[in-house]
Amino acid sequence: MYYTLKTTNVYRVPTVEDALRLRKHLERTCTGELVAFSYKTKYIKSKGDIVDKYQVVTATVAIDNEKEPEGVMTVDMEVEF
């Protein structure tokens, strides 16, 4: 049996406020526990001038226990040898 233990997703959102809303949404709805969350402002430049910006959000969710997995999110796949 294969178990999903942890997953990290990277999102692009328009503003810091959107990043914080995403954090609250993930805390309420994700399968598992949100164990890490960060965001960084990225700038779009044209000819040296900043013309726009956005946030890159990284969120890590712990889904199952490595030593004693409960099977919260199993992975079904066929392995060919």
PDB file of N, CA and C in Angstrom:
ATOM      1  N   MET A   1       0.843  -1.170   0.000  1.00  0.00           N
ATOM      2  CA  MET A   1       0.000   0.000   0.000  1.00  0.00           C
ATOM      3  C   MET A   1       0.891   1.238   0.000  1.00  0.00           C
ATOM      4  N   TYR A   2       0.521   2.246  -0.759  1.00  0.00           N
ATOM      5  CA  TYR A   2       1.232   3.515  -0.829  1.00  0.00           C
ATOM      6  C   TYR A   2       0.410   4.585  -0.114  1.00  0.00           C
ATOM      7  N   TYR A   3       1.089   5.422   0.670  1.00  0.00           N
ATOM      8  CA  TYR A   3       0.415   6.463   1.442  1.00  0.00           C
ATOM      9  C   TYR A   3       0.984   7.831   1.085  1.00  0.00           C
ATOM     10  N   THR A   4       0.117   8.797   0.935  1.00  0.00           N
ATOM     11  CA  THR A   4       0.562  10.176   0.775  1.00  0.00           C
ATOM     12  C   THR A   4       0.822  10.724   2.173  1.00  0.00           C
ATOM     13  N   LEU A   5       2.067  11.120   2.434  1.00  0.00           N
ATOM     14  CA  LEU A   5       2.439  11.600   3.760  1.00  0.00           C
ATOM     15  C   LEU A   5       2.387  13.122   3.860  1.00  0.00           C
ATOM     16  N   LYS A   6       2.901  13.786   2.822  1.00  0.00           N
ATOM     17  CA  LYS A   6       2.978  15.234   2.858  1.00  0.00           C
ATOM     18  C   LYS A   6       2.942  15.744   1.419  1.00  0.00           C
ATOM     19  N   THR A   7       2.358  16.906   1.229  1.00  0.00           N
ATOM     20  CA  THR A   7       2.323  17.501  -0.098  1.00  0.00           C
ATOM     21  C   THR A   7       2.628  18.989   0.000  1.00  0.00           C
ATOM     22  N   THR A   8       3.337  19.500  -0.992  1.00  0.00           N
ATOM     23  CA  THR A   8       3.641  20.928  -1.064  1.00  0.00           C
ATOM     24  C   THR A   8       3.111  21.454  -2.384  1.00  0.00           C
ATOM     25  N   ASN A   9       2.290  22.492  -2.306  1.00  0.00           N
ATOM     26  CA  ASN A   9       1.735  23.122  -3.500  1.00  0.00           C
ATOM     27  C   ASN A   9       2.215  24.562  -3.577  1.00  0.00           C
ATOM     28  N   VAL A  10       2.390  25.033  -4.796  1.00  0.00           N
ATOM     29  CA  VAL A  10       2.800  26.409  -5.038  1.00  0.00           C
ATOM     30  C   VAL A  10       1.705  27.088  -5.845  1.00  0.00           C
ATOM     31  N   TYR A  11       1.273  28.260  -5.374  1.00  0.00           N
ATOM     32  CA  TYR A  11       0.173  29.004  -5.988  1.00  0.00           C
ATOM     33  C   TYR A  11       0.652  30.398  -6.390  1.00  0.00           C
ATOM     34  N   ARG A  12      -0.009  30.978  -7.360  1.00  0.00           N
ATOM     35  CA  ARG A  12       0.187  32.379  -7.695  1.00  0.00           C
ATOM     36  C   ARG A  12      -1.132  33.093  -7.409  1.00  0.00           C
ATOM     37  N   VAL A  13      -1.054  34.156  -6.595  1.00  0.00           N
ATOM     38  CA  VAL A  13      -2.237  34.952  -6.269  1.00  0.00           C
ATOM     39  C   VAL A  13      -1.888  36.427  -6.469  1.00  0.00           C
ATOM     40  N   PRO A  14      -2.896  37.272  -6.709  1.00  0.00           N
ATOM     41  CA  PRO A  14      -2.614  38.668  -7.038  1.00  0.00           C
ATOM     42  C   PRO A  14      -2.055  39.515  -5.893  1.00  0.00           C
ATOM     43  N   THR A  15      -2.561  39.330  -4.660  1.00  0.00           N
ATOM     44  CA  THR A  15      -2.198  40.255  -3.585  1.00  0.00           C
ATOM     45  C   THR A  15      -1.848  39.511  -2.298  1.00  0.00           C
ATOM     46  N   VAL A  16      -1.260  40.239  -1.347  1.00  0.00           N
ATOM     47  CA  VAL A  16      -0.968  39.676  -0.034  1.00  0.00           C
ATOM     48  C   VAL A  16      -2.271  39.269   0.647  1.00  0.00           C
ATOM     49  N   GLU A  17      -3.302  40.080   0.496  1.00  0.00           N
ATOM     50  CA  GLU A  17      -4.599  39.754   1.094  1.00  0.00           C
ATOM     51  C   GLU A  17      -5.130  38.434   0.547  1.00  0.00           C
ATOM     52  N   ASP A  18      -4.942  38.196  -0.751  1.00  0.00           N
ATOM     53  CA  ASP A  18      -5.363  36.921  -1.346  1.00  0.00           C
ATOM     54  C   ASP A  18      -4.545  35.767  -0.779  1.00  0.00           C
ATOM     55  N   ALA A  19      -3.267  35.985  -0.537  1.00  0.00           N
ATOM     56  CA  ALA A  19      -2.418  34.949   0.050  1.00  0.00           C
ATOM     57  C   ALA A  19      -2.912  34.588   1.449  1.00  0.00           C
ATOM     58  N   LEU A  20      -3.266  35.601   2.230  1.00  0.00           N
ATOM     59  CA  LEU A  20      -3.756  35.345   3.585  1.00  0.00           C
ATOM     60  C   LEU A  20      -5.127  34.665   3.568  1.00  0.00           C
ATOM     61  N   ARG A  21      -5.969  35.035   2.600  1.00  0.00           N
ATOM     62  CA  ARG A  21      -7.268  34.341   2.452  1.00  0.00           C
ATOM     63  C   ARG A  21      -7.056  32.877   2.074  1.00  0.00           C
ATOM     64  N   LEU A  22      -6.081  32.633   1.198  1.00  0.00           N
ATOM     65  CA  LEU A  22      -5.772  31.254   0.807  1.00  0.00           C
ATOM     66  C   LEU A  22      -5.325  30.452   2.021  1.00  0.00           C
ATOM     67  N   ARG A  23      -4.515  31.056   2.882  1.00  0.00           N
ATOM     68  CA  ARG A  23      -4.070  30.354   4.090  1.00  0.00           C
ATOM     69  C   ARG A  23      -5.266  29.945   4.955  1.00  0.00           C
ATOM     70  N   LYS A  24      -6.177  30.866   5.183  1.00  0.00           N
ATOM     71  CA  LYS A  24      -7.361  30.550   5.991  1.00  0.00           C
ATOM     72  C   LYS A  24      -8.192  29.447   5.343  1.00  0.00           C
ATOM     73  N   HIS A  25      -8.330  29.518   4.012  1.00  0.00           N
ATOM     74  CA  HIS A  25      -9.088  28.501   3.284  1.00  0.00           C
ATOM     75  C   HIS A  25      -8.432  27.129   3.448  1.00  0.00           C
ATOM     76  N   LEU A  26      -7.121  27.066   3.292  1.00  0.00           N
ATOM     77  CA  LEU A  26      -6.423  25.784   3.427  1.00  0.00           C
ATOM     78  C   LEU A  26      -6.516  25.243   4.845  1.00  0.00           C
ATOM     79  N   GLU A  27      -6.423  26.110   5.837  1.00  0.00           N
ATOM     80  CA  GLU A  27      -6.534  25.656   7.230  1.00  0.00           C
ATOM     81  C   GLU A  27      -7.894  25.022   7.501  1.00  0.00           C
ATOM     82  N   ARG A  28      -8.934  25.541   6.840  1.00  0.00           N
ATOM     83  CA  ARG A  28     -10.290  25.021   7.055  1.00  0.00           C
ATOM     84  C   ARG A  28     -10.592  23.779   6.228  1.00  0.00           C
ATOM     85  N   THR A  29     -10.044  23.685   5.027  1.00  0.00           N
ATOM     86  CA  THR A  29     -10.542  22.684   4.088  1.00  0.00           C
ATOM     87  C   THR A  29      -9.564  21.595   3.676  1.00  0.00           C
ATOM     88  N   CYS A  30      -8.277  21.733   3.958  1.00  0.00           N
ATOM     89  CA  CYS A  30      -7.337  20.736   3.433  1.00  0.00           C
ATOM     90  C   CYS A  30      -7.455  19.419   4.193  1.00  0.00           C
ATOM     91  N   THR A  31      -7.100  18.341   3.520  1.00  0.00           N
ATOM     92  CA  THR A  31      -7.034  17.028   4.151  1.00  0.00           C
ATOM     93  C   THR A  31      -5.678  16.949   4.830  1.00  0.00           C
ATOM     94  N   GLY A  32      -5.669  16.952   6.136  1.00  0.00           N
ATOM     95  CA  GLY A  32      -4.421  16.959   6.885  1.00  0.00           C
ATOM     96  C   GLY A  32      -4.254  18.273   7.625  1.00  0.00           C
ATOM     97  N   GLU A  33      -2.998  18.583   7.970  1.00  0.00           N
ATOM     98  CA  GLU A  33      -2.689  19.789   8.738  1.00  0.00           C
ATOM     99  C   GLU A  33      -1.729  20.681   7.963  1.00  0.00           C
ATOM    100  N   LEU A  34      -2.061  21.937   7.853  1.00  0.00           N
ATOM    101  CA  LEU A  34      -1.176  22.906   7.217  1.00  0.00           C
ATOM    102  C   LEU A  34       0.018  23.115   8.141  1.00  0.00           C
ATOM    103  N   VAL A  35       1.208  22.670   7.711  1.00  0.00           N
ATOM    104  CA  VAL A  35       2.381  22.724   8.583  1.00  0.00           C
ATOM    105  C   VAL A  35       3.379  23.807   8.176  1.00  0.00           C
ATOM    106  N   ALA A  36       3.258  24.314   6.960  1.00  0.00           N
ATOM    107  CA  ALA A  36       4.140  25.394   6.519  1.00  0.00           C
ATOM    108  C   ALA A  36       3.404  26.240   5.488  1.00  0.00           C
ATOM    109  N   PHE A  37       3.618  27.549   5.589  1.00  0.00           N
ATOM    110  CA  PHE A  37       2.964  28.474   4.670  1.00  0.00           C
ATOM    111  C   PHE A  37       3.852  29.702   4.528  1.00  0.00           C
ATOM    112  N   SER A  38       4.127  30.077   3.299  1.00  0.00           N
ATOM    113  CA  SER A  38       4.904  31.289   3.068  1.00  0.00           C
ATOM    114  C   SER A  38       4.475  31.914   1.750  1.00  0.00           C
ATOM    115  N   TYR A  39       4.741  33.208   1.639  1.00  0.00           N
ATOM    116  CA  TYR A  39       4.490  33.885   0.374  1.00  0.00           C
ATOM    117  C   TYR A  39       5.590  34.900   0.123  1.00  0.00           C
ATOM    118  N   LYS A  40       5.823  35.171  -1.151  1.00  0.00           N
ATOM    119  CA  LYS A  40       6.875  36.089  -1.551  1.00  0.00           C
ATOM    120  C   LYS A  40       6.353  36.953  -2.686  1.00  0.00           C
ATOM    121  N   THR A  41       6.623  38.236  -2.605  1.00  0.00           N
ATOM    122  CA  THR A  41       6.200  39.158  -3.655  1.00  0.00           C
ATOM    123  C   THR A  41       7.157  39.068  -4.839  1.00  0.00           C
ATOM    124  N   LYS A  42       6.596  38.917  -6.022  1.00  0.00           N
ATOM    125  CA  LYS A  42       7.359  38.906  -7.270  1.00  0.00           C
ATOM    126  C   LYS A  42       6.931  40.120  -8.093  1.00  0.00           C
ATOM    127  N   TYR A  43       7.866  40.677  -8.795  1.00  0.00           N
ATOM    128  CA  TYR A  43       7.595  41.887  -9.575  1.00  0.00           C
ATOM    129  C   TYR A  43       7.734  41.609 -11.060  1.00  0.00           C
ATOM    130  N   ILE A  44       6.854  42.228 -11.831  1.00  0.00           N
ATOM    131  CA  ILE A  44       6.931  42.177 -13.287  1.00  0.00           C
ATOM    132  C   ILE A  44       7.498  43.523 -13.724  1.00  0.00           C
ATOM    133  N   LYS A  45       8.614  43.463 -14.447  1.00  0.00           N
ATOM    134  CA  LYS A  45       9.284  44.694 -14.863  1.00  0.00           C
ATOM    135  C   LYS A  45       9.252  44.837 -16.374  1.00  0.00           C
ATOM    136  N   SER A  46       9.242  46.081 -16.802  1.00  0.00           N
ATOM    137  CA  SER A  46       9.336  46.404 -18.219  1.00  0.00           C
ATOM    138  C   SER A  46      10.303  47.570 -18.351  1.00  0.00           C
ATOM    139  N   LYS A  47      11.396  47.330 -19.020  1.00  0.00           N
ATOM    140  CA  LYS A  47      12.427  48.355 -19.217  1.00  0.00           C
ATOM    141  C   LYS A  47      12.925  48.920 -17.892  1.00  0.00           C
ATOM    142  N   GLY A  48      13.061  48.042 -16.907  1.00  0.00           N
ATOM    143  CA  GLY A  48      13.577  48.438 -15.613  1.00  0.00           C
ATOM    144  C   GLY A  48      12.552  48.986 -14.637  1.00  0.00           C
ATOM    145  N   ASP A  49      11.346  49.242 -15.091  1.00  0.00           N
ATOM    146  CA  ASP A  49      10.297  49.767 -14.218  1.00  0.00           C
ATOM    147  C   ASP A  49       9.365  48.650 -13.778  1.00  0.00           C
ATOM    148  N   ILE A  50       8.908  48.705 -12.536  1.00  0.00           N
ATOM    149  CA  ILE A  50       7.934  47.740 -12.029  1.00  0.00           C
ATOM    150  C   ILE A  50       6.566  48.115 -12.578  1.00  0.00           C
ATOM    151  N   VAL A  51       5.944  47.159 -13.310  1.00  0.00           N
ATOM    152  CA  VAL A  51       4.633  47.425 -13.902  1.00  0.00           C
ATOM    153  C   VAL A  51       3.511  46.651 -13.207  1.00  0.00           C
ATOM    154  N   ASP A  52       3.874  45.617 -12.461  1.00  0.00           N
ATOM    155  CA  ASP A  52       2.864  44.831 -11.751  1.00  0.00           C
ATOM    156  C   ASP A  52       3.564  43.957 -10.726  1.00  0.00           C
ATOM    157  N   LYS A  53       2.794  43.357  -9.836  1.00  0.00           N
ATOM    158  CA  LYS A  53       3.347  42.428  -8.865  1.00  0.00           C
ATOM    159  C   LYS A  53       2.313  41.362  -8.538  1.00  0.00           C
ATOM    160  N   TYR A  54       2.790  40.266  -7.975  1.00  0.00           N
ATOM    161  CA  TYR A  54       1.929  39.163  -7.564  1.00  0.00           C
ATOM    162  C   TYR A  54       2.630  38.430  -6.440  1.00  0.00           C
ATOM    163  N   GLN A  55       1.930  37.483  -5.826  1.00  0.00           N
ATOM    164  CA  GLN A  55       2.468  36.703  -4.715  1.00  0.00           C
ATOM    165  C   GLN A  55       2.621  35.249  -5.137  1.00  0.00           C
ATOM    166  N   VAL A  56       3.756  34.659  -4.782  1.00  0.00           N
ATOM    167  CA  VAL A  56       3.954  33.222  -4.955  1.00  0.00           C
ATOM    168  C   VAL A  56       3.846  32.603  -3.570  1.00  0.00           C
ATOM    169  N   VAL A  57       2.861  31.726  -3.413  1.00  0.00           N
ATOM    170  CA  VAL A  57       2.545  31.116  -2.126  1.00  0.00           C
ATOM    171  C   VAL A  57       2.990  29.653  -2.151  1.00  0.00           C
ATOM    172  N   THR A  58       3.655  29.228  -1.081  1.00  0.00           N
ATOM    173  CA  THR A  58       4.029  27.825  -0.923  1.00  0.00           C
ATOM    174  C   THR A  58       3.355  27.304   0.346  1.00  0.00           C
ATOM    175  N   ALA A  59       2.597  26.220   0.195  1.00  0.00           N
ATOM    176  CA  ALA A  59       1.867  25.639   1.317  1.00  0.00           C
ATOM    177  C   ALA A  59       2.178  24.148   1.407  1.00  0.00           C
ATOM    178  N   THR A  60       2.559  23.702   2.608  1.00  0.00           N
ATOM    179  CA  THR A  60       2.844  22.293   2.843  1.00  0.00           C
ATOM    180  C   THR A  60       1.814  21.732   3.820  1.00  0.00           C
ATOM    181  N   VAL A  61       1.243  20.589   3.436  1.00  0.00           N
ATOM    182  CA  VAL A  61       0.218  19.944   4.242  1.00  0.00           C
ATOM    183  C   VAL A  61       0.696  18.545   4.622  1.00  0.00           C
ATOM    184  N   ALA A  62       0.719  18.254   5.931  1.00  0.00           N
ATOM    185  CA  ALA A  62       1.020  16.911   6.421  1.00  0.00           C
ATOM    186  C   ALA A  62      -0.292  16.133   6.410  1.00  0.00           C
ATOM    187  N   ILE A  63      -0.290  15.007   5.723  1.00  0.00           N
ATOM    188  CA  ILE A  63      -1.525  14.255   5.524  1.00  0.00           C
ATOM    189  C   ILE A  63      -1.601  13.011   6.404  1.00  0.00           C
ATOM    190  N   ASP A  64      -0.494  12.314   6.535  1.00  0.00           N
ATOM    191  CA  ASP A  64      -0.508  11.056   7.277  1.00  0.00           C
ATOM    192  C   ASP A  64       0.794  10.897   8.054  1.00  0.00           C
ATOM    193  N   ASN A  65       0.790  10.024   9.031  1.00  0.00           N
ATOM    194  CA  ASN A  65       1.950   9.760   9.865  1.00  0.00           C
ATOM    195  C   ASN A  65       2.874   8.777   9.161  1.00  0.00           C
ATOM    196  N   GLU A  66       4.166   9.118   9.082  1.00  0.00           N
ATOM    197  CA  GLU A  66       5.116   8.269   8.382  1.00  0.00           C
ATOM    198  C   GLU A  66       5.283   6.894   9.028  1.00  0.00           C
ATOM    199  N   LYS A  67       5.389   6.848  10.337  1.00  0.00           N
ATOM    200  CA  LYS A  67       5.656   5.578  11.027  1.00  0.00           C
ATOM    201  C   LYS A  67       4.427   4.691  11.142  1.00  0.00           C
ATOM    202  N   GLU A  68       3.266   5.300  11.332  1.00  0.00           N
ATOM    203  CA  GLU A  68       2.027   4.541  11.464  1.00  0.00           C
ATOM    204  C   GLU A  68       0.926   5.212  10.648  1.00  0.00           C
ATOM    205  N   PRO A  69       0.985   5.080   9.315  1.00  0.00           N
ATOM    206  CA  PRO A  69      -0.031   5.742   8.485  1.00  0.00           C
ATOM    207  C   PRO A  69      -1.421   5.150   8.711  1.00  0.00           C
ATOM    208  N   GLU A  70      -2.393   6.027   8.695  1.00  0.00           N
ATOM    209  CA  GLU A  70      -3.779   5.612   8.888  1.00  0.00           C
ATOM    210  C   GLU A  70      -4.494   5.379   7.560  1.00  0.00           C
ATOM    211  N   GLY A  71      -3.857   5.707   6.473  1.00  0.00           N
ATOM    212  CA  GLY A  71      -4.485   5.528   5.174  1.00  0.00           C
ATOM    213  C   GLY A  71      -5.438   6.651   4.821  1.00  0.00           C
ATOM    214  N   VAL A  72      -5.133   7.863   5.295  1.00  0.00           N
ATOM    215  CA  VAL A  72      -5.986   9.019   5.029  1.00  0.00           C
ATOM    216  C   VAL A  72      -6.104   9.276   3.528  1.00  0.00           C
ATOM    217  N   MET A  73      -4.968   9.167   2.828  1.00  0.00           N
ATOM    218  CA  MET A  73      -4.965   9.405   1.383  1.00  0.00           C
ATOM    219  C   MET A  73      -4.024   8.397   0.734  1.00  0.00           C
ATOM    220  N   THR A  74      -4.556   7.244   0.405  1.00  0.00           N
ATOM    221  CA  THR A  74      -3.737   6.206  -0.224  1.00  0.00           C
ATOM    222  C   THR A  74      -3.593   6.486  -1.713  1.00  0.00           C
ATOM    223  N   VAL A  75      -2.573   5.866  -2.284  1.00  0.00           N
ATOM    224  CA  VAL A  75      -2.302   6.023  -3.710  1.00  0.00           C
ATOM    225  C   VAL A  75      -2.513   4.660  -4.356  1.00  0.00           C
ATOM    226  N   ASP A  76      -3.420   4.601  -5.312  1.00  0.00           N
ATOM    227  CA  ASP A  76      -3.668   3.363  -6.049  1.00  0.00           C
ATOM    228  C   ASP A  76      -2.923   3.424  -7.374  1.00  0.00           C
ATOM    229  N   MET A  77      -2.043   2.455  -7.581  1.00  0.00           N
ATOM    230  CA  MET A  77      -1.315   2.402  -8.851  1.00  0.00           C
ATOM    231  C   MET A  77      -0.797   0.997  -9.069  1.00  0.00           C
ATOM    232  N   GLU A  78      -0.603   0.682 -10.306  1.00  0.00           N
ATOM    233  CA  GLU A  78      -0.031  -0.607 -10.664  1.00  0.00           C
ATOM    234  C   GLU A  78       1.425  -0.378 -11.019  1.00  0.00           C
ATOM    235  N   VAL A  79       2.276  -1.210 -10.434  1.00  0.00           N
ATOM    236  CA  VAL A  79       3.709  -1.087 -10.677  1.00  0.00           C
ATOM    237  C   VAL A  79       4.133  -2.248 -11.564  1.00  0.00           C
ATOM    238  N   GLU A  80       4.812  -1.901 -12.660  1.00  0.00           N
ATOM    239  CA  GLU A  80       5.319  -2.929 -13.558  1.00  0.00           C
ATOM    240  C   GLU A  80       6.805  -3.115 -13.317  1.00  0.00           C
ATOM    241  N   PHE A  81       7.213  -4.365 -13.164  1.00  0.00           N
ATOM    242  CA  PHE A  81       8.630  -4.670 -12.957  1.00  0.00           C
ATOM    243  C   PHE A  81       9.189  -5.364 -14.175  1.00  0.00           C
TER     244      PHE A  81
END
